[in-house]
Amino acid sequence: MKRLKRNIKIILFFIIVFTPITIFAQEIPNITIPVIEGVRAAKNGQEASTSLMLILLVSLLSLAPALIMMMTSYTKIIIVLDFIRRALALQNMPPNQVLFSLALFLTFYIMAPTIREFNDTALQPYLEGNKLSTPQFLQKAIIPFRKFMIKQIGKGGAKEIALFIKLSGKNIQDIKKIDDIDTYILIPAFMLSEIKKAFIIGILIFIPFIVIDLVVASTLMSMGMIMLPPAMISLPFKIILFILVDGWHLITYNLVQSYM
């Protein structure tokens, strides 16, 4: 029986490999396969502009994950959500895909005004073709994100800015106003500031759950149940506490409010 199945598989393999592709093409007549003629020079400015926009779009899409993490609220949100999972002592619940998706959509919600300003002041004029050149587009595109980062760094991120100004070899006394700070200094300062804030929130999240772990461990030791893992008993109490205080609502509300 096994030999028969193996022979059938071999016969089917040779039929698929050596059957002319025209037979399959005749069975599905509505499929059209595009042909790439090759690379040619642009005939006019409109074609050149379209090609440059396409190249720029592909470049932005390839850099999109890094841009989302560098200049938006994504970094702090995903760190805080991971702290919640670790504080509850849950290994993979919620799964990584759920946490990443939640952090991404919360980021879109928080960054909506910034993205709207970017679209109105930079992207749409650039796509029209005549209002903005590529250098002007890049210059205007960064302005909304700079405003967002400057606003968030202003909430306790002065040390990070001073650090990167010092590392760049510039004199901090030469910086008269926040707009004088270069973007390559602003971005890492913003990221460090976001990570620091996320860790502070993480500590506050951990405190009540550590208290539960201590109470459960002390209770088990007093009862002589040393061999029973305290985490097994404390886990349901942590989840019950998190549900009773409506933890996801509180965390989401305070994360969003921290950017308003």
Protein backbone atom coordinates (compact mmCIF):
# COMPACT_ATOMS: atom_id res chain seq x y z
CA MET A 1 0.00 0.00 0.00
CA LYS A 2 2.81 2.38 0.91
CA ARG A 3 4.62 1.49 -2.31
CA LEU A 4 1.46 2.21 -4.34
CA LYS A 5 1.05 5.63 -2.70
CA ARG A 6 4.68 6.44 -3.41
CA ASN A 7 4.30 5.48 -7.08
CA ILE A 8 1.17 7.64 -7.40
CA LYS A 9 3.03 10.62 -5.92
CA ILE A 10 5.92 10.11 -8.38
CA ILE A 11 3.52 9.92 -11.34
CA LEU A 12 1.70 13.09 -10.24
CA PHE A 13 5.01 14.90 -9.82
CA PHE A 14 6.11 14.10 -13.38
CA ILE A 15 2.70 15.06 -14.76
CA ILE A 16 2.86 18.48 -13.07
CA VAL A 17 6.47 19.12 -14.07
CA PHE A 18 6.35 18.03 -17.68
CA THR A 19 2.83 19.16 -18.62
CA PRO A 20 3.10 22.24 -20.88
CA ILE A 21 2.04 25.42 -19.15
CA THR A 22 -0.17 26.29 -22.10
CA ILE A 23 -2.63 23.61 -20.98
CA PHE A 24 -3.13 25.35 -17.64
CA ALA A 25 -3.29 28.72 -19.35
CA GLN A 26 -6.08 27.51 -21.65
CA GLU A 27 -8.14 26.41 -18.64
CA ILE A 28 -7.95 29.94 -17.11
CA PRO A 29 -8.29 32.31 -20.09
CA ASN A 30 -9.00 35.48 -18.05
CA ILE A 31 -5.57 35.71 -16.40
CA THR A 32 -3.29 38.36 -17.91
CA ILE A 33 0.40 38.34 -17.09
CA PRO A 34 2.15 41.75 -17.34
CA VAL A 35 5.37 42.09 -19.30
CA ILE A 36 8.23 44.32 -18.14
CA GLU A 37 9.75 45.94 -21.20
CA GLY A 38 12.83 47.30 -19.46
CA VAL A 39 14.23 50.50 -18.01
CA ARG A 40 14.11 53.61 -20.15
CA ALA A 41 14.78 57.30 -19.60
CA ALA A 42 11.91 59.55 -18.58
CA LYS A 43 10.43 61.42 -21.56
CA ASN A 44 9.19 64.41 -19.58
CA GLY A 45 9.15 65.95 -16.13
CA GLN A 46 5.87 64.30 -15.18
CA GLU A 47 7.29 60.81 -15.72
CA ALA A 48 10.44 61.70 -13.77
CA SER A 49 8.35 63.08 -10.90
CA THR A 50 6.19 59.94 -10.80
CA SER A 51 9.25 57.68 -10.77
CA LEU A 52 10.87 59.67 -7.96
CA MET A 53 7.67 59.58 -5.91
CA LEU A 54 7.49 55.81 -6.38
CA ILE A 55 11.10 55.37 -5.25
CA LEU A 56 10.47 57.64 -2.25
CA LEU A 57 7.31 55.73 -1.34
CA VAL A 58 9.10 52.36 -1.45
CA SER A 59 11.91 53.81 0.68
CA LEU A 60 9.44 55.15 3.26
CA LEU A 61 7.65 51.80 3.41
CA SER A 62 10.93 49.99 4.07
CA LEU A 63 11.75 52.46 6.84
CA ALA A 64 8.22 52.55 8.27
CA PRO A 65 8.86 50.20 11.24
CA ALA A 66 11.88 52.22 12.35
CA LEU A 67 10.04 55.53 11.87
CA ILE A 68 7.09 54.29 13.92
CA MET A 69 9.38 53.34 16.79
CA MET A 70 11.61 56.40 16.60
CA MET A 71 9.26 59.35 16.26
CA THR A 72 5.94 58.16 17.69
CA SER A 73 4.43 56.90 20.92
CA TYR A 74 4.88 53.24 19.94
CA THR A 75 8.03 52.68 22.02
CA LYS A 76 6.50 53.66 25.35
CA ILE A 77 3.21 51.88 24.70
CA ILE A 78 4.73 48.51 23.80
CA ILE A 79 7.11 48.61 26.79
CA VAL A 80 4.25 49.39 29.19
CA LEU A 81 2.09 46.61 27.74
CA ASP A 82 4.94 44.15 28.12
CA PHE A 83 5.40 45.27 31.74
CA ILE A 84 1.74 44.47 32.38
CA ARG A 85 2.15 40.95 31.06
CA ARG A 86 5.29 40.38 33.13
CA ALA A 87 3.71 41.82 36.28
CA LEU A 88 0.79 39.41 35.90
CA ALA A 89 3.33 36.57 35.45
CA LEU A 90 1.66 35.54 32.19
CA GLN A 91 4.08 34.01 29.71
CA ASN A 92 2.37 34.49 26.35
CA MET A 93 -1.02 35.87 27.22
CA PRO A 94 -1.95 38.14 25.54
CA PRO A 95 0.17 36.89 22.61
CA ASN A 96 2.85 39.10 21.09
CA GLN A 97 0.75 39.71 17.98
CA VAL A 98 -2.09 41.07 20.10
CA LEU A 99 0.18 43.38 22.09
CA PHE A 100 1.93 44.64 18.96
CA SER A 101 -1.40 45.28 17.22
CA LEU A 102 -2.85 47.07 20.24
CA ALA A 103 0.28 49.23 20.55
CA LEU A 104 0.17 50.00 16.84
CA PHE A 105 -3.49 51.10 16.80
CA LEU A 106 -3.05 53.14 19.98
CA THR A 107 -0.10 54.80 18.26
CA PHE A 108 -2.26 55.63 15.23
CA TYR A 109 -4.91 57.08 17.55
CA ILE A 110 -2.42 59.22 19.48
CA MET A 111 -0.54 60.32 16.36
CA ALA A 112 -3.69 61.11 14.32
CA PRO A 113 -3.35 64.94 14.65
CA THR A 114 0.35 64.76 13.76
CA ILE A 115 -0.29 62.49 10.76
CA ARG A 116 -3.14 64.75 9.63
CA GLU A 117 -0.86 67.80 9.75
CA PHE A 118 1.84 65.87 7.86
CA ASN A 119 -0.69 64.92 5.18
CA ASP A 120 -2.09 68.44 4.79
CA THR A 121 1.14 70.41 4.84
CA ALA A 122 3.60 68.05 3.15
CA LEU A 123 2.25 64.89 1.55
CA GLN A 124 -0.72 66.22 -0.43
CA PRO A 125 1.13 69.27 -1.85
CA TYR A 126 4.00 66.98 -2.85
CA LEU A 127 1.73 64.45 -4.56
CA GLU A 128 0.16 67.22 -6.65
CA GLY A 129 3.55 67.53 -8.33
CA ASN A 130 4.03 71.27 -8.70
CA LYS A 131 3.76 72.81 -5.23
CA LEU A 132 6.72 71.15 -3.45
CA SER A 133 10.04 69.75 -4.55
CA THR A 134 11.53 66.70 -2.87
CA PRO A 135 13.85 68.68 -0.53
CA GLN A 136 10.96 70.97 0.44
CA PHE A 137 8.77 67.93 1.09
CA LEU A 138 11.34 66.38 3.42
CA GLN A 139 11.79 69.68 5.23
CA LYS A 140 8.06 70.15 5.78
CA ALA A 141 7.37 66.48 6.52
CA ILE A 142 9.55 66.42 9.64
CA ILE A 143 8.00 69.55 11.20
CA PRO A 144 4.83 67.87 12.65
CA PHE A 145 6.89 65.05 14.13
CA ARG A 146 9.39 67.52 15.59
CA LYS A 147 6.52 69.36 17.28
CA PHE A 148 5.27 66.10 18.76
CA MET A 149 8.72 65.04 20.01
CA ILE A 150 9.49 68.48 21.44
CA LYS A 151 6.18 68.50 23.30
CA GLN A 152 6.86 65.10 24.86
CA ILE A 153 10.50 65.82 25.67
CA GLY A 154 9.36 68.96 27.43
CA LYS A 155 7.69 66.71 30.03
CA GLY A 156 10.93 65.84 31.81
CA GLY A 157 13.31 65.07 28.96
CA ALA A 158 15.74 67.99 29.26
CA LYS A 159 18.55 65.74 30.51
CA GLU A 160 18.38 63.57 27.40
CA ILE A 161 18.66 66.61 25.12
CA ALA A 162 21.61 67.93 27.10
CA LEU A 163 23.28 64.52 26.89
CA PHE A 164 23.12 64.28 23.09
CA ILE A 165 24.08 67.92 22.60
CA LYS A 166 27.16 67.23 24.71
CA LEU A 167 27.95 64.01 22.82
CA SER A 168 27.66 65.84 19.49
CA GLY A 169 30.41 68.24 20.58
CA LYS A 170 28.18 71.31 20.57
CA ASN A 171 27.92 73.87 23.33
CA ILE A 172 24.56 73.83 25.04
CA GLN A 173 24.84 77.58 25.60
CA ASP A 174 24.58 78.08 21.83
CA ILE A 175 21.06 76.59 21.85
CA LYS A 176 18.82 79.61 22.33
CA LYS A 177 15.51 77.84 21.69
CA ILE A 178 14.22 74.33 21.20
CA ASP A 179 13.83 74.79 17.43
CA ASP A 180 17.61 75.19 17.13
CA ILE A 181 18.14 71.53 18.07
CA ASP A 182 18.96 69.32 15.11
CA THR A 183 16.67 66.41 14.32
CA TYR A 184 19.45 63.83 14.68
CA ILE A 185 19.82 65.00 18.30
CA LEU A 186 16.10 65.27 18.94
CA ILE A 187 15.17 61.73 17.89
CA PRO A 188 17.48 59.74 20.24
CA ALA A 189 16.70 62.17 23.08
CA PHE A 190 12.98 61.55 22.51
CA MET A 191 13.48 57.77 22.45
CA LEU A 192 15.46 57.76 25.70
CA SER A 193 12.83 59.98 27.31
CA GLU A 194 10.06 57.60 26.23
CA ILE A 195 11.93 54.55 27.54
CA LYS A 196 12.53 56.26 30.90
CA LYS A 197 8.84 57.16 31.24
CA ALA A 198 7.81 53.63 30.28
CA PHE A 199 10.04 52.13 32.98
CA ILE A 200 8.61 54.51 35.59
CA ILE A 201 5.10 53.39 34.65
CA GLY A 202 6.28 49.77 34.74
CA ILE A 203 7.50 50.17 38.33
CA LEU A 204 4.13 51.57 39.39
CA ILE A 205 2.40 48.63 37.69
CA PHE A 206 4.62 46.06 39.41
CA ILE A 207 4.13 47.35 43.00
CA PRO A 208 0.58 46.00 43.71
CA PHE A 209 1.38 42.63 42.15
CA ILE A 210 4.59 42.31 44.18
CA VAL A 211 2.50 42.91 47.33
CA ILE A 212 0.20 40.05 46.29
CA ASP A 213 3.21 37.77 45.74
CA LEU A 214 4.60 38.64 49.20
CA VAL A 215 1.26 38.04 50.96
CA VAL A 216 0.74 34.70 49.21
CA ALA A 217 4.32 33.55 49.89
CA SER A 218 4.08 34.52 53.59
CA THR A 219 0.73 32.75 53.92
CA LEU A 220 2.02 29.55 52.36
CA MET A 221 5.12 29.53 54.57
CA SER A 222 3.04 30.07 57.71
CA MET A 223 0.84 27.13 56.70
CA GLY A 224 3.89 24.93 56.09
CA MET A 225 3.16 24.55 52.38
CA ILE A 226 6.74 25.23 51.32
CA MET A 227 6.72 22.91 48.31
CA LEU A 228 3.76 24.67 46.69
CA PRO A 229 4.93 27.39 44.23
CA PRO A 230 3.58 30.80 45.36
CA ALA A 231 3.22 31.94 41.74
CA MET A 232 0.62 29.25 41.13
CA ILE A 233 -1.58 30.62 43.92
CA SER A 234 -0.93 34.33 43.36
CA LEU A 235 -1.67 34.26 39.62
CA PRO A 236 -5.50 34.01 39.96
CA PHE A 237 -5.49 36.77 42.58
CA LYS A 238 -3.46 39.03 40.26
CA ILE A 239 -5.87 38.45 37.38
CA ILE A 240 -8.90 39.04 39.65
CA LEU A 241 -7.38 42.30 40.95
CA PHE A 242 -6.57 43.44 37.41
CA ILE A 243 -10.13 42.73 36.28
CA LEU A 244 -11.75 44.38 39.31
CA VAL A 245 -9.87 47.65 38.79
CA ASP A 246 -10.51 47.44 35.01
CA GLY A 247 -6.79 47.41 34.34
CA TRP A 248 -6.84 47.59 30.55
CA HIS A 249 -9.13 50.61 30.66
CA LEU A 250 -6.93 52.41 33.21
CA ILE A 251 -3.70 51.67 31.38
CA THR A 252 -5.09 52.71 27.98
CA TYR A 253 -6.67 55.87 29.36
CA ASN A 254 -3.51 57.00 31.16
CA LEU A 255 -1.26 56.16 28.21
CA VAL A 256 -3.39 58.24 25.84
CA GLN A 257 -3.74 61.07 28.36
CA SER A 258 0.04 61.23 28.84
CA TYR A 259 0.34 62.49 25.25
CA MET A 260 -2.45 65.06 25.39
